[in-house]
Amino acid sequence: MNTLITILRRVLVAVPTIIGVVIVTFILQRALPGDPAVFYAGPSANPEVVARVREQLGLDQPVFMQFLDFIRRLTHGDLGLSISSGHPVLDDLLSRAPASIELTLAALLFAIVVGLPLGMLAALKPGTLVDHACRVIVTVGAAFPTFFVALILIFVFYYQLGIAPEPLGQLNEIYDTIPTTVTGFLLIDTLLAGDTATFQSVAMKLVLPMISLGLFALAPIARITRAAMLETLSSDYCRTARAMGLSYSRMVFSYALRNAMLPIISILGMVFSFLLGGSVLVEQVFAWPGIGAYAVSAVMASDYAAVQGFVLLMAVLYVLLNLVVDLVITAIDPRVRYEH
């Protein structure tokens, strides 16, 4: 019952946020330079053709009427038609979202696998050379933009060493077999199809984008882990457990780490949302067929419907992610209750 109340409360709080995102996105997109009717009609179209296209797209109507039409279609699950691809925006987003989510989850997993032990190691040996080395590693790793790291990794591992596959999408179109779409996630679909060769190819192509994006999240995870572990290790219950003869390793993993997981999990939701939004540049560098690359193309073409659909999808994902984080924290510590 408490879980259901938490879900309903978070959903109700998120509704005004989503409405605000829709309004702000609609207004800002109209303020951007460029005319989608000119792009759709083509560079050789005369003013009469452009005017007819503008009428077909509904851009000849007052802005308020365009907004009402957008809201009406949105309530029916219609995000409009992309003038860039010629397909419904919802279909484009649903077909591309798994690629972005798969990349983001892989980057987050990389950041956790590397950042969590680094933060713990720094907390267990504070003020030592190990602590300083860990902090230098995470600081340097997060100091460079994701696209710069991506270009460096491509130059070193693909052009110089030749051990990485070509940075062009998720699949090698010549050698890899496209699996039957079940989940939309290529790693999972290739395993379900029993195609280990394609699975290895997809995994290899995922490594460089995963590291490029994951380094962005490594620093906050390591720092939060270090701070949370230092706080719990200095607490009374950890000192008492150690004084009563509990082994050091059990005290660290059973008491300190478990209590430190609350702030760590809280930051993971924020980090995931940052990664999902920050994957735009990485997708461009690696020609990754995700929603980030789709959004960039939509902005360049002044594709109102596609940009609005992208922003709305990101807002919904962010709300759902925060809801999941809240539920996980509540499951870890039942004392946690949300009254707002």
C-alpha atoms as a PDB file:
ATOM      1  CA  MET A   1       0.000   0.000   0.000  1.00  0.00           C
ATOM      2  CA  ASN A   2       2.803   2.406   0.871  1.00  0.00           C
ATOM      3  CA  THR A   3       4.524   1.606  -2.428  1.00  0.00           C
ATOM      4  CA  LEU A   4       1.342   2.397  -4.361  1.00  0.00           C
ATOM      5  CA  ILE A   5       0.929   5.691  -2.510  1.00  0.00           C
ATOM      6  CA  THR A   6       4.556   6.577  -3.292  1.00  0.00           C
ATOM      7  CA  ILE A   7       4.020   5.856  -6.992  1.00  0.00           C
ATOM      8  CA  LEU A   8       0.819   7.891  -7.188  1.00  0.00           C
ATOM      9  CA  ARG A   9       2.383  10.784  -5.305  1.00  0.00           C
ATOM     10  CA  ARG A  10       5.424  10.894  -7.575  1.00  0.00           C
ATOM     11  CA  VAL A  11       3.250  10.692 -10.702  1.00  0.00           C
ATOM     12  CA  LEU A  12       1.073  13.566  -9.529  1.00  0.00           C
ATOM     13  CA  VAL A  13       4.120  15.676  -8.746  1.00  0.00           C
ATOM     14  CA  ALA A  14       5.552  14.915 -12.196  1.00  0.00           C
ATOM     15  CA  VAL A  15       2.452  15.997 -14.143  1.00  0.00           C
ATOM     16  CA  PRO A  16       3.081  19.784 -13.811  1.00  0.00           C
ATOM     17  CA  THR A  17       6.714  19.196 -14.762  1.00  0.00           C
ATOM     18  CA  ILE A  18       5.781  17.426 -17.981  1.00  0.00           C
ATOM     19  CA  ILE A  19       3.201  20.097 -18.822  1.00  0.00           C
ATOM     20  CA  GLY A  20       5.834  22.792 -18.288  1.00  0.00           C
ATOM     21  CA  VAL A  21       8.297  20.916 -20.500  1.00  0.00           C
ATOM     22  CA  VAL A  22       5.717  20.703 -23.295  1.00  0.00           C
ATOM     23  CA  ILE A  23       4.933  24.429 -23.136  1.00  0.00           C
ATOM     24  CA  VAL A  24       8.527  25.636 -22.899  1.00  0.00           C
ATOM     25  CA  THR A  25       9.686  23.316 -25.670  1.00  0.00           C
ATOM     26  CA  PHE A  26       6.899  24.439 -27.983  1.00  0.00           C
ATOM     27  CA  ILE A  27       7.733  28.121 -27.437  1.00  0.00           C
ATOM     28  CA  LEU A  28      11.506  27.785 -27.695  1.00  0.00           C
ATOM     29  CA  GLN A  29      11.356  25.642 -30.815  1.00  0.00           C
ATOM     30  CA  ARG A  30       9.348  28.348 -32.610  1.00  0.00           C
ATOM     31  CA  ALA A  31      11.986  30.885 -31.608  1.00  0.00           C
ATOM     32  CA  LEU A  32      14.783  28.984 -33.353  1.00  0.00           C
ATOM     33  CA  PRO A  33      15.919  30.225 -36.777  1.00  0.00           C
ATOM     34  CA  GLY A  34      14.909  28.304 -39.874  1.00  0.00           C
ATOM     35  CA  ASP A  35      11.664  27.447 -41.626  1.00  0.00           C
ATOM     36  CA  PRO A  36      10.646  23.775 -41.704  1.00  0.00           C
ATOM     37  CA  ALA A  37       8.404  24.455 -44.706  1.00  0.00           C
ATOM     38  CA  VAL A  38      11.431  25.614 -46.716  1.00  0.00           C
ATOM     39  CA  PHE A  39      13.400  22.533 -45.668  1.00  0.00           C
ATOM     40  CA  TYR A  40      10.528  20.188 -46.514  1.00  0.00           C
ATOM     41  CA  ALA A  41       9.790  21.837 -49.869  1.00  0.00           C
ATOM     42  CA  GLY A  42      13.428  21.772 -50.963  1.00  0.00           C
ATOM     43  CA  PRO A  43      15.946  24.434 -51.958  1.00  0.00           C
ATOM     44  CA  SER A  44      14.528  24.840 -55.472  1.00  0.00           C
ATOM     45  CA  ALA A  45      10.911  25.401 -54.399  1.00  0.00           C
ATOM     46  CA  ASN A  46       9.274  28.701 -55.283  1.00  0.00           C
ATOM     47  CA  PRO A  47       7.317  30.796 -52.747  1.00  0.00           C
ATOM     48  CA  GLU A  48       3.973  29.300 -53.866  1.00  0.00           C
ATOM     49  CA  VAL A  49       5.157  25.753 -53.145  1.00  0.00           C
ATOM     50  CA  VAL A  50       6.581  26.821 -49.780  1.00  0.00           C
ATOM     51  CA  ALA A  51       3.267  28.467 -48.894  1.00  0.00           C
ATOM     52  CA  ARG A  52       1.347  25.272 -49.748  1.00  0.00           C
ATOM     53  CA  VAL A  53       3.737  23.182 -47.668  1.00  0.00           C
ATOM     54  CA  ARG A  54       3.399  25.600 -44.765  1.00  0.00           C
ATOM     55  CA  GLU A  55      -0.372  25.239 -44.998  1.00  0.00           C
ATOM     56  CA  GLN A  56      -0.147  21.437 -45.082  1.00  0.00           C
ATOM     57  CA  LEU A  57       2.061  21.459 -41.990  1.00  0.00           C
ATOM     58  CA  GLY A  58      -0.327  23.820 -40.200  1.00  0.00           C
ATOM     59  CA  LEU A  59       2.352  26.474 -39.818  1.00  0.00           C
ATOM     60  CA  ASP A  60       0.125  29.136 -41.347  1.00  0.00           C
ATOM     61  CA  GLN A  61      -2.108  28.997 -38.275  1.00  0.00           C
ATOM     62  CA  PRO A  62      -1.591  31.249 -35.227  1.00  0.00           C
ATOM     63  CA  VAL A  63       0.880  29.874 -32.713  1.00  0.00           C
ATOM     64  CA  PHE A  64      -1.850  29.372 -30.128  1.00  0.00           C
ATOM     65  CA  MET A  65      -3.877  27.257 -32.574  1.00  0.00           C
ATOM     66  CA  GLN A  66      -0.749  25.232 -33.409  1.00  0.00           C
ATOM     67  CA  PHE A  67      -0.258  24.574 -29.695  1.00  0.00           C
ATOM     68  CA  LEU A  68      -3.859  23.463 -29.210  1.00  0.00           C
ATOM     69  CA  ASP A  69      -3.550  21.136 -32.181  1.00  0.00           C
ATOM     70  CA  PHE A  70      -0.351  19.715 -30.714  1.00  0.00           C
ATOM     71  CA  ILE A  71      -2.019  19.096 -27.339  1.00  0.00           C
ATOM     72  CA  ARG A  72      -5.005  17.453 -29.033  1.00  0.00           C
ATOM     73  CA  ARG A  73      -2.769  15.079 -30.972  1.00  0.00           C
ATOM     74  CA  LEU A  74      -0.636  14.444 -27.908  1.00  0.00           C
ATOM     75  CA  THR A  75      -3.627  13.225 -25.902  1.00  0.00           C
ATOM     76  CA  HIS A  76      -4.192  10.625 -28.631  1.00  0.00           C
ATOM     77  CA  GLY A  77      -0.575   9.476 -28.564  1.00  0.00           C
ATOM     78  CA  ASP A  78       0.271  11.304 -31.790  1.00  0.00           C
ATOM     79  CA  LEU A  79       3.568  13.207 -31.656  1.00  0.00           C
ATOM     80  CA  GLY A  80       3.229  14.314 -35.238  1.00  0.00           C
ATOM     81  CA  LEU A  81       5.066  13.503 -38.447  1.00  0.00           C
ATOM     82  CA  SER A  82       8.808  14.089 -38.780  1.00  0.00           C
ATOM     83  CA  ILE A  83       9.588  16.152 -41.866  1.00  0.00           C
ATOM     84  CA  SER A  84      13.148  14.785 -41.784  1.00  0.00           C
ATOM     85  CA  SER A  85      12.357  11.062 -41.952  1.00  0.00           C
ATOM     86  CA  GLY A  86       8.777  11.155 -43.189  1.00  0.00           C
ATOM     87  CA  HIS A  87       7.748   8.765 -40.407  1.00  0.00           C
ATOM     88  CA  PRO A  88       5.656   9.334 -37.278  1.00  0.00           C
ATOM     89  CA  VAL A  89       7.833  10.808 -34.538  1.00  0.00           C
ATOM     90  CA  LEU A  90       6.681   8.216 -32.010  1.00  0.00           C
ATOM     91  CA  ASP A  91       7.791   5.369 -34.296  1.00  0.00           C
ATOM     92  CA  ASP A  92      11.170   7.039 -34.845  1.00  0.00           C
ATOM     93  CA  LEU A  93      11.730   7.514 -31.123  1.00  0.00           C
ATOM     94  CA  LEU A  94      10.635   4.000 -30.183  1.00  0.00           C
ATOM     95  CA  SER A  95      12.899   2.479 -32.819  1.00  0.00           C
ATOM     96  CA  ARG A  96      15.926   4.552 -31.748  1.00  0.00           C
ATOM     97  CA  ALA A  97      15.427   4.690 -27.974  1.00  0.00           C
ATOM     98  CA  PRO A  98      16.760   1.154 -27.280  1.00  0.00           C
ATOM     99  CA  ALA A  99      20.134   2.036 -28.844  1.00  0.00           C
ATOM    100  CA  SER A 100      20.502   5.107 -26.612  1.00  0.00           C
ATOM    101  CA  ILE A 101      19.292   3.319 -23.487  1.00  0.00           C
ATOM    102  CA  GLU A 102      21.608   0.372 -24.144  1.00  0.00           C
ATOM    103  CA  LEU A 103      24.584   2.712 -24.528  1.00  0.00           C
ATOM    104  CA  THR A 104      23.609   4.700 -21.425  1.00  0.00           C
ATOM    105  CA  LEU A 105      23.131   1.600 -19.277  1.00  0.00           C
ATOM    106  CA  ALA A 106      26.466   0.204 -20.425  1.00  0.00           C
ATOM    107  CA  ALA A 107      28.189   3.514 -19.621  1.00  0.00           C
ATOM    108  CA  LEU A 108      26.526   3.617 -16.202  1.00  0.00           C
ATOM    109  CA  LEU A 109      27.591   0.026 -15.503  1.00  0.00           C
ATOM    110  CA  PHE A 110      31.159   0.895 -16.479  1.00  0.00           C
ATOM    111  CA  ALA A 111      31.102   3.952 -14.206  1.00  0.00           C
ATOM    112  CA  ILE A 112      29.764   1.883 -11.283  1.00  0.00           C
ATOM    113  CA  VAL A 113      32.224  -0.986 -11.766  1.00  0.00           C
ATOM    114  CA  VAL A 114      35.163   1.444 -11.842  1.00  0.00           C
ATOM    115  CA  GLY A 115      33.943   4.330  -9.685  1.00  0.00           C
ATOM    116  CA  LEU A 116      32.520   2.343  -6.764  1.00  0.00           C
ATOM    117  CA  PRO A 117      35.746   0.421  -5.958  1.00  0.00           C
ATOM    118  CA  LEU A 118      37.811   3.589  -6.446  1.00  0.00           C
ATOM    119  CA  GLY A 119      35.616   5.501  -4.007  1.00  0.00           C
ATOM    120  CA  MET A 120      35.701   2.671  -1.476  1.00  0.00           C
ATOM    121  CA  LEU A 121      39.460   2.307  -1.785  1.00  0.00           C
ATOM    122  CA  ALA A 122      39.957   6.038  -1.265  1.00  0.00           C
ATOM    123  CA  ALA A 123      37.688   5.977   1.809  1.00  0.00           C
ATOM    124  CA  LEU A 124      39.436   2.973   3.351  1.00  0.00           C
ATOM    125  CA  LYS A 125      42.818   4.679   3.030  1.00  0.00           C
ATOM    126  CA  PRO A 126      42.097   8.392   3.503  1.00  0.00           C
ATOM    127  CA  GLY A 127      44.938  10.837   3.134  1.00  0.00           C
ATOM    128  CA  THR A 128      47.301   8.216   1.718  1.00  0.00           C
ATOM    129  CA  LEU A 129      48.910   8.014  -1.698  1.00  0.00           C
ATOM    130  CA  VAL A 130      46.137   5.630  -2.757  1.00  0.00           C
ATOM    131  CA  ASP A 131      43.489   8.208  -1.839  1.00  0.00           C
ATOM    132  CA  HIS A 132      45.250  10.964  -3.777  1.00  0.00           C
ATOM    133  CA  ALA A 133      45.822   8.690  -6.775  1.00  0.00           C
ATOM    134  CA  CYS A 134      42.125   7.706  -6.898  1.00  0.00           C
ATOM    135  CA  ARG A 135      41.012  11.319  -6.769  1.00  0.00           C
ATOM    136  CA  VAL A 136      43.453  12.301  -9.514  1.00  0.00           C
ATOM    137  CA  ILE A 137      42.226   9.453 -11.735  1.00  0.00           C
ATOM    138  CA  VAL A 138      38.539  10.346 -11.447  1.00  0.00           C
ATOM    139  CA  THR A 139      39.207  14.077 -11.782  1.00  0.00           C
ATOM    140  CA  VAL A 140      41.276  13.694 -14.940  1.00  0.00           C
ATOM    141  CA  GLY A 141      38.780  11.222 -16.366  1.00  0.00           C
ATOM    142  CA  ALA A 142      35.918  13.702 -15.987  1.00  0.00           C
ATOM    143  CA  ALA A 143      37.874  16.814 -16.977  1.00  0.00           C
ATOM    144  CA  PHE A 144      37.614  16.268 -20.723  1.00  0.00           C
ATOM    145  CA  PRO A 145      34.413  16.545 -22.811  1.00  0.00           C
ATOM    146  CA  THR A 146      32.858  13.274 -23.920  1.00  0.00           C
ATOM    147  CA  PHE A 147      33.349  13.965 -27.625  1.00  0.00           C
ATOM    148  CA  PHE A 148      37.066  14.726 -27.056  1.00  0.00           C
ATOM    149  CA  VAL A 149      37.548  11.468 -25.155  1.00  0.00           C
ATOM    150  CA  ALA A 150      35.671   9.630 -27.909  1.00  0.00           C
ATOM    151  CA  LEU A 151      37.917  11.071 -30.621  1.00  0.00           C
ATOM    152  CA  ILE A 152      41.066  10.222 -28.627  1.00  0.00           C
ATOM    153  CA  LEU A 153      39.908   6.636 -28.080  1.00  0.00           C
ATOM    154  CA  ILE A 154      39.095   6.237 -31.774  1.00  0.00           C
ATOM    155  CA  PHE A 155      42.477   7.641 -32.790  1.00  0.00           C
ATOM    156  CA  VAL A 156      44.436   5.414 -30.416  1.00  0.00           C
ATOM    157  CA  PHE A 157      42.536   2.112 -30.511  1.00  0.00           C
ATOM    158  CA  TYR A 158      41.176   2.176 -34.062  1.00  0.00           C
ATOM    159  CA  TYR A 159      43.619   4.159 -36.185  1.00  0.00           C
ATOM    160  CA  GLN A 160      46.880   3.568 -34.304  1.00  0.00           C
ATOM    161  CA  LEU A 161      46.527   0.139 -32.673  1.00  0.00           C
ATOM    162  CA  GLY A 162      43.826  -1.306 -34.929  1.00  0.00           C
ATOM    163  CA  ILE A 163      42.275  -3.359 -32.125  1.00  0.00           C
ATOM    164  CA  ALA A 164      38.876  -1.631 -32.071  1.00  0.00           C
ATOM    165  CA  PRO A 165      36.183  -2.050 -34.736  1.00  0.00           C
ATOM    166  CA  GLU A 166      35.269   0.818 -37.019  1.00  0.00           C
ATOM    167  CA  PRO A 167      33.296   3.501 -35.137  1.00  0.00           C
ATOM    168  CA  LEU A 168      30.214   3.268 -37.344  1.00  0.00           C
ATOM    169  CA  GLY A 169      27.040   2.306 -35.541  1.00  0.00           C
ATOM    170  CA  GLN A 170      26.115  -0.837 -33.655  1.00  0.00           C
ATOM    171  CA  LEU A 171      26.508  -3.436 -36.398  1.00  0.00           C
ATOM    172  CA  ASN A 172      28.895  -4.281 -39.179  1.00  0.00           C
ATOM    173  CA  GLU A 173      26.387  -4.277 -42.041  1.00  0.00           C
ATOM    174  CA  ILE A 174      28.567  -6.538 -44.185  1.00  0.00           C
ATOM    175  CA  TYR A 175      29.390  -9.335 -41.746  1.00  0.00           C
ATOM    176  CA  ASP A 176      26.842  -9.117 -38.944  1.00  0.00           C
ATOM    177  CA  THR A 177      23.362 -10.608 -39.078  1.00  0.00           C
ATOM    178  CA  ILE A 178      20.570  -8.309 -37.934  1.00  0.00           C
ATOM    179  CA  PRO A 179      18.682 -10.231 -35.235  1.00  0.00           C
ATOM    180  CA  THR A 180      14.931 -10.443 -34.965  1.00  0.00           C
ATOM    181  CA  THR A 181      13.711  -7.514 -32.885  1.00  0.00           C
ATOM    182  CA  VAL A 182      12.358  -8.750 -29.566  1.00  0.00           C
ATOM    183  CA  THR A 183      13.459  -6.176 -27.010  1.00  0.00           C
ATOM    184  CA  GLY A 184      15.168  -3.662 -29.301  1.00  0.00           C
ATOM    185  CA  PHE A 185      18.427  -4.065 -27.361  1.00  0.00           C
ATOM    186  CA  LEU A 186      20.914  -5.693 -29.721  1.00  0.00           C
ATOM    187  CA  LEU A 187      22.932  -7.393 -26.986  1.00  0.00           C
ATOM    188  CA  ILE A 188      19.812  -9.105 -25.665  1.00  0.00           C
ATOM    189  CA  ASP A 189      18.285  -9.857 -29.070  1.00  0.00           C
ATOM    190  CA  THR A 190      21.475 -11.480 -30.359  1.00  0.00           C
ATOM    191  CA  LEU A 191      21.622 -13.687 -27.271  1.00  0.00           C
ATOM    192  CA  LEU A 192      17.981 -14.653 -27.686  1.00  0.00           C
ATOM    193  CA  ALA A 193      18.710 -15.533 -31.301  1.00  0.00           C
ATOM    194  CA  GLY A 194      21.736 -17.602 -30.239  1.00  0.00           C
ATOM    195  CA  ASP A 195      24.017 -15.601 -32.535  1.00  0.00           C
ATOM    196  CA  THR A 196      27.211 -15.404 -30.482  1.00  0.00           C
ATOM    197  CA  ALA A 197      29.267 -13.990 -33.361  1.00  0.00           C
ATOM    198  CA  THR A 198      26.993 -10.985 -33.781  1.00  0.00           C
ATOM    199  CA  PHE A 199      26.789 -10.600 -29.998  1.00  0.00           C
ATOM    200  CA  GLN A 200      30.582 -10.337 -29.789  1.00  0.00           C
ATOM    201  CA  SER A 201      30.610  -7.838 -32.661  1.00  0.00           C
ATOM    202  CA  VAL A 202      27.946  -5.666 -30.998  1.00  0.00           C
ATOM    203  CA  ALA A 203      29.756  -5.856 -27.650  1.00  0.00           C
ATOM    204  CA  MET A 204      33.055  -4.818 -29.238  1.00  0.00           C
ATOM    205  CA  LYS A 205      31.448  -1.843 -30.954  1.00  0.00           C
ATOM    206  CA  LEU A 206      29.913  -0.822 -27.624  1.00  0.00           C
ATOM    207  CA  VAL A 207      33.226  -0.668 -25.722  1.00  0.00           C
ATOM    208  CA  LEU A 208      34.607   2.675 -26.934  1.00  0.00           C
ATOM    209  CA  PRO A 209      31.284   4.588 -26.753  1.00  0.00           C
ATOM    210  CA  MET A 210      30.658   3.074 -23.323  1.00  0.00           C
ATOM    211  CA  ILE A 211      34.026   4.226 -21.981  1.00  0.00           C
ATOM    212  CA  SER A 212      33.720   7.668 -23.606  1.00  0.00           C
ATOM    213  CA  LEU A 213      30.370   8.268 -21.953  1.00  0.00           C
ATOM    214  CA  GLY A 214      31.083   6.370 -18.735  1.00  0.00           C
ATOM    215  CA  LEU A 215      34.101   8.496 -17.802  1.00  0.00           C
ATOM    216  CA  PHE A 216      31.686  11.414 -17.518  1.00  0.00           C
ATOM    217  CA  ALA A 217      29.828   9.619 -14.694  1.00  0.00           C
ATOM    218  CA  LEU A 218      32.802   8.029 -13.008  1.00  0.00           C
ATOM    219  CA  ALA A 219      33.835  11.084 -10.995  1.00  0.00           C
ATOM    220  CA  PRO A 220      30.536  11.831  -9.200  1.00  0.00           C
ATOM    221  CA  ILE A 221      29.998   8.160  -8.355  1.00  0.00           C
ATOM    222  CA  ALA A 222      33.519   7.792  -6.943  1.00  0.00           C
ATOM    223  CA  ARG A 223      33.273  11.023  -4.964  1.00  0.00           C
ATOM    224  CA  ILE A 224      29.864  10.248  -3.477  1.00  0.00           C
ATOM    225  CA  THR A 225      31.045   6.733  -2.615  1.00  0.00           C
ATOM    226  CA  ARG A 226      34.134   8.083  -0.870  1.00  0.00           C
ATOM    227  CA  ALA A 227      32.185  10.684   1.108  1.00  0.00           C
ATOM    228  CA  ALA A 228      29.428   8.238   2.094  1.00  0.00           C
ATOM    229  CA  MET A 229      31.900   5.527   3.116  1.00  0.00           C
ATOM    230  CA  LEU A 230      33.949   7.958   5.199  1.00  0.00           C
ATOM    231  CA  GLU A 231      30.791   9.028   7.025  1.00  0.00           C
ATOM    232  CA  THR A 232      29.599   5.501   7.746  1.00  0.00           C
ATOM    233  CA  LEU A 233      33.055   4.208   8.719  1.00  0.00           C
ATOM    234  CA  SER A 234      33.309   6.945  11.359  1.00  0.00           C
ATOM    235  CA  SER A 235      29.829   6.233  12.741  1.00  0.00           C
ATOM    236  CA  ASP A 236      29.226   4.780  16.180  1.00  0.00           C
ATOM    237  CA  TYR A 237      27.710   1.501  14.964  1.00  0.00           C
ATOM    238  CA  CYS A 238      30.747   0.718  12.777  1.00  0.00           C
ATOM    239  CA  ARG A 239      33.170   1.453  15.623  1.00  0.00           C
ATOM    240  CA  THR A 240      31.031  -0.619  17.990  1.00  0.00           C
ATOM    241  CA  ALA A 241      30.887  -3.540  15.555  1.00  0.00           C
ATOM    242  CA  ARG A 242      34.649  -3.437  15.153  1.00  0.00           C
ATOM    243  CA  ALA A 243      35.197  -3.224  18.927  1.00  0.00           C
ATOM    244  CA  MET A 244      32.986  -6.279  19.466  1.00  0.00           C
ATOM    245  CA  GLY A 245      35.281  -8.387  17.305  1.00  0.00           C
ATOM    246  CA  LEU A 246      33.548  -8.227  13.944  1.00  0.00           C
ATOM    247  CA  SER A 247      35.997  -8.758  11.104  1.00  0.00           C
ATOM    248  CA  TYR A 248      37.057  -5.653   9.219  1.00  0.00           C
ATOM    249  CA  SER A 249      35.872  -6.930   5.838  1.00  0.00           C
ATOM    250  CA  ARG A 250      32.449  -7.887   7.194  1.00  0.00           C
ATOM    251  CA  MET A 251      32.095  -4.539   8.918  1.00  0.00           C
ATOM    252  CA  VAL A 252      32.947  -2.738   5.652  1.00  0.00           C
ATOM    253  CA  PHE A 253      30.644  -4.705   3.358  1.00  0.00           C
ATOM    254  CA  SER A 254      27.786  -5.616   5.701  1.00  0.00           C
ATOM    255  CA  TYR A 255      27.455  -2.366   7.634  1.00  0.00           C
ATOM    256  CA  ALA A 256      29.368   0.511   6.090  1.00  0.00           C
ATOM    257  CA  LEU A 257      28.687  -0.182   2.403  1.00  0.00           C
ATOM    258  CA  ARG A 258      25.017  -1.021   2.926  1.00  0.00           C
ATOM    259  CA  ASN A 259      24.346   2.245   4.744  1.00  0.00           C
ATOM    260  CA  ALA A 260      26.434   4.178   2.230  1.00  0.00           C
ATOM    261  CA  MET A 261      24.335   2.837  -0.649  1.00  0.00           C
ATOM    262  CA  LEU A 262      21.478   5.287  -0.024  1.00  0.00           C
ATOM    263  CA  PRO A 263      23.291   8.420  -1.230  1.00  0.00           C
ATOM    264  CA  ILE A 264      25.025   6.395  -3.942  1.00  0.00           C
ATOM    265  CA  ILE A 265      21.740   5.137  -5.381  1.00  0.00           C
ATOM    266  CA  SER A 266      20.283   8.628  -5.120  1.00  0.00           C
ATOM    267  CA  ILE A 267      23.071  10.011  -7.307  1.00  0.00           C
ATOM    268  CA  LEU A 268      22.737   7.154  -9.805  1.00  0.00           C
ATOM    269  CA  GLY A 269      19.344   8.393 -10.965  1.00  0.00           C
ATOM    270  CA  MET A 270      20.725  11.854 -11.635  1.00  0.00           C
ATOM    271  CA  VAL A 271      23.835  10.453 -13.312  1.00  0.00           C
ATOM    272  CA  PHE A 272      21.755   8.241 -15.603  1.00  0.00           C
ATOM    273  CA  SER A 273      19.656  11.184 -16.746  1.00  0.00           C
ATOM    274  CA  PHE A 274      22.820  13.216 -17.415  1.00  0.00           C
ATOM    275  CA  LEU A 275      24.286  10.331 -19.387  1.00  0.00           C
ATOM    276  CA  LEU A 276      21.146   9.932 -21.458  1.00  0.00           C
ATOM    277  CA  GLY A 277      21.233  13.600 -22.363  1.00  0.00           C
ATOM    278  CA  GLY A 278      25.007  13.669 -22.770  1.00  0.00           C
ATOM    279  CA  SER A 279      25.007  10.745 -25.184  1.00  0.00           C
ATOM    280  CA  VAL A 280      24.126  13.129 -28.030  1.00  0.00           C
ATOM    281  CA  LEU A 281      27.752  13.984 -28.833  1.00  0.00           C
ATOM    282  CA  VAL A 282      28.977  10.412 -28.388  1.00  0.00           C
ATOM    283  CA  GLU A 283      26.282   9.176 -30.753  1.00  0.00           C
ATOM    284  CA  GLN A 284      27.367  11.722 -33.333  1.00  0.00           C
ATOM    285  CA  VAL A 285      31.029  10.676 -33.108  1.00  0.00           C
ATOM    286  CA  PHE A 286      30.312   6.944 -33.336  1.00  0.00           C
ATOM    287  CA  ALA A 287      27.365   7.229 -35.767  1.00  0.00           C
ATOM    288  CA  TRP A 288      25.260   5.572 -33.091  1.00  0.00           C
ATOM    289  CA  PRO A 289      21.607   5.225 -34.222  1.00  0.00           C
ATOM    290  CA  GLY A 290      20.071   6.620 -31.041  1.00  0.00           C
ATOM    291  CA  ILE A 291      17.647   9.367 -30.139  1.00  0.00           C
ATOM    292  CA  GLY A 292      20.487  11.814 -29.524  1.00  0.00           C
ATOM    293  CA  ALA A 293      21.625  11.740 -33.143  1.00  0.00           C
ATOM    294  CA  TYR A 294      17.973  11.892 -34.180  1.00  0.00           C
ATOM    295  CA  ALA A 295      17.457  15.038 -32.076  1.00  0.00           C
ATOM    296  CA  VAL A 296      20.502  16.750 -33.590  1.00  0.00           C
ATOM    297  CA  SER A 297      19.214  16.096 -37.104  1.00  0.00           C
ATOM    298  CA  ALA A 298      15.788  17.386 -36.093  1.00  0.00           C
ATOM    299  CA  VAL A 299      17.221  20.641 -34.715  1.00  0.00           C
ATOM    300  CA  MET A 300      19.288  21.209 -37.853  1.00  0.00           C
ATOM    301  CA  ALA A 301      16.185  20.737 -40.003  1.00  0.00           C
ATOM    302  CA  SER A 302      13.894  22.797 -37.721  1.00  0.00           C
ATOM    303  CA  ASP A 303      11.765  19.673 -37.363  1.00  0.00           C
ATOM    304  CA  TYR A 304       9.358  20.908 -34.692  1.00  0.00           C
ATOM    305  CA  ALA A 305       7.527  17.635 -34.137  1.00  0.00           C
ATOM    306  CA  ALA A 306      10.711  15.568 -33.770  1.00  0.00           C
ATOM    307  CA  VAL A 307      12.325  17.989 -31.311  1.00  0.00           C
ATOM    308  CA  GLN A 308       9.166  18.211 -29.216  1.00  0.00           C
ATOM    309  CA  GLY A 309       8.838  14.434 -29.183  1.00  0.00           C
ATOM    310  CA  PHE A 310      12.473  13.998 -28.133  1.00  0.00           C
ATOM    311  CA  VAL A 311      12.236  16.481 -25.261  1.00  0.00           C
ATOM    312  CA  LEU A 312       8.945  14.997 -24.088  1.00  0.00           C
ATOM    313  CA  LEU A 313      10.392  11.481 -24.164  1.00  0.00           C
ATOM    314  CA  MET A 314      13.408  12.623 -22.146  1.00  0.00           C
ATOM    315  CA  ALA A 315      11.124  14.254 -19.584  1.00  0.00           C
ATOM    316  CA  VAL A 316       9.041  11.090 -19.202  1.00  0.00           C
ATOM    317  CA  LEU A 317      12.165   8.929 -18.882  1.00  0.00           C
ATOM    318  CA  TYR A 318      13.554  11.292 -16.250  1.00  0.00           C
ATOM    319  CA  VAL A 319      10.331  11.106 -14.228  1.00  0.00           C
ATOM    320  CA  LEU A 320      10.192   7.307 -14.468  1.00  0.00           C
ATOM    321  CA  LEU A 321      13.851   7.048 -13.485  1.00  0.00           C
ATOM    322  CA  ASN A 322      13.356   9.163 -10.379  1.00  0.00           C
ATOM    323  CA  LEU A 323      10.335   7.049  -9.473  1.00  0.00           C
ATOM    324  CA  VAL A 324      12.432   3.868  -9.723  1.00  0.00           C
ATOM    325  CA  VAL A 325      15.177   5.416  -7.592  1.00  0.00           C
ATOM    326  CA  ASP A 326      12.659   6.404  -4.934  1.00  0.00           C
ATOM    327  CA  LEU A 327      11.232   2.883  -4.823  1.00  0.00           C
ATOM    328  CA  VAL A 328      14.667   1.274  -4.629  1.00  0.00           C
ATOM    329  CA  ILE A 329      15.725   3.535  -1.772  1.00  0.00           C
ATOM    330  CA  THR A 330      12.484   2.765   0.054  1.00  0.00           C
ATOM    331  CA  ALA A 331      13.101  -0.969  -0.418  1.00  0.00           C
ATOM    332  CA  ILE A 332      16.655  -0.680   0.939  1.00  0.00           C
ATOM    333  CA  ASP A 333      15.652   1.447   3.928  1.00  0.00           C
ATOM    334  CA  PRO A 334      11.940   1.134   4.855  1.00  0.00           C
ATOM    335  CA  ARG A 335      12.324   4.105   7.205  1.00  0.00           C
ATOM    336  CA  VAL A 336      12.522   6.375   4.183  1.00  0.00           C
ATOM    337  CA  ARG A 337       9.163   7.979   3.385  1.00  0.00           C
ATOM    338  CA  TYR A 338       8.416  10.735   0.922  1.00  0.00           C
ATOM    339  CA  GLU A 339       6.017  13.375   2.104  1.00  0.00           C
ATOM    340  CA  HIS A 340       6.364  15.720  -0.896  1.00  0.00           C
END
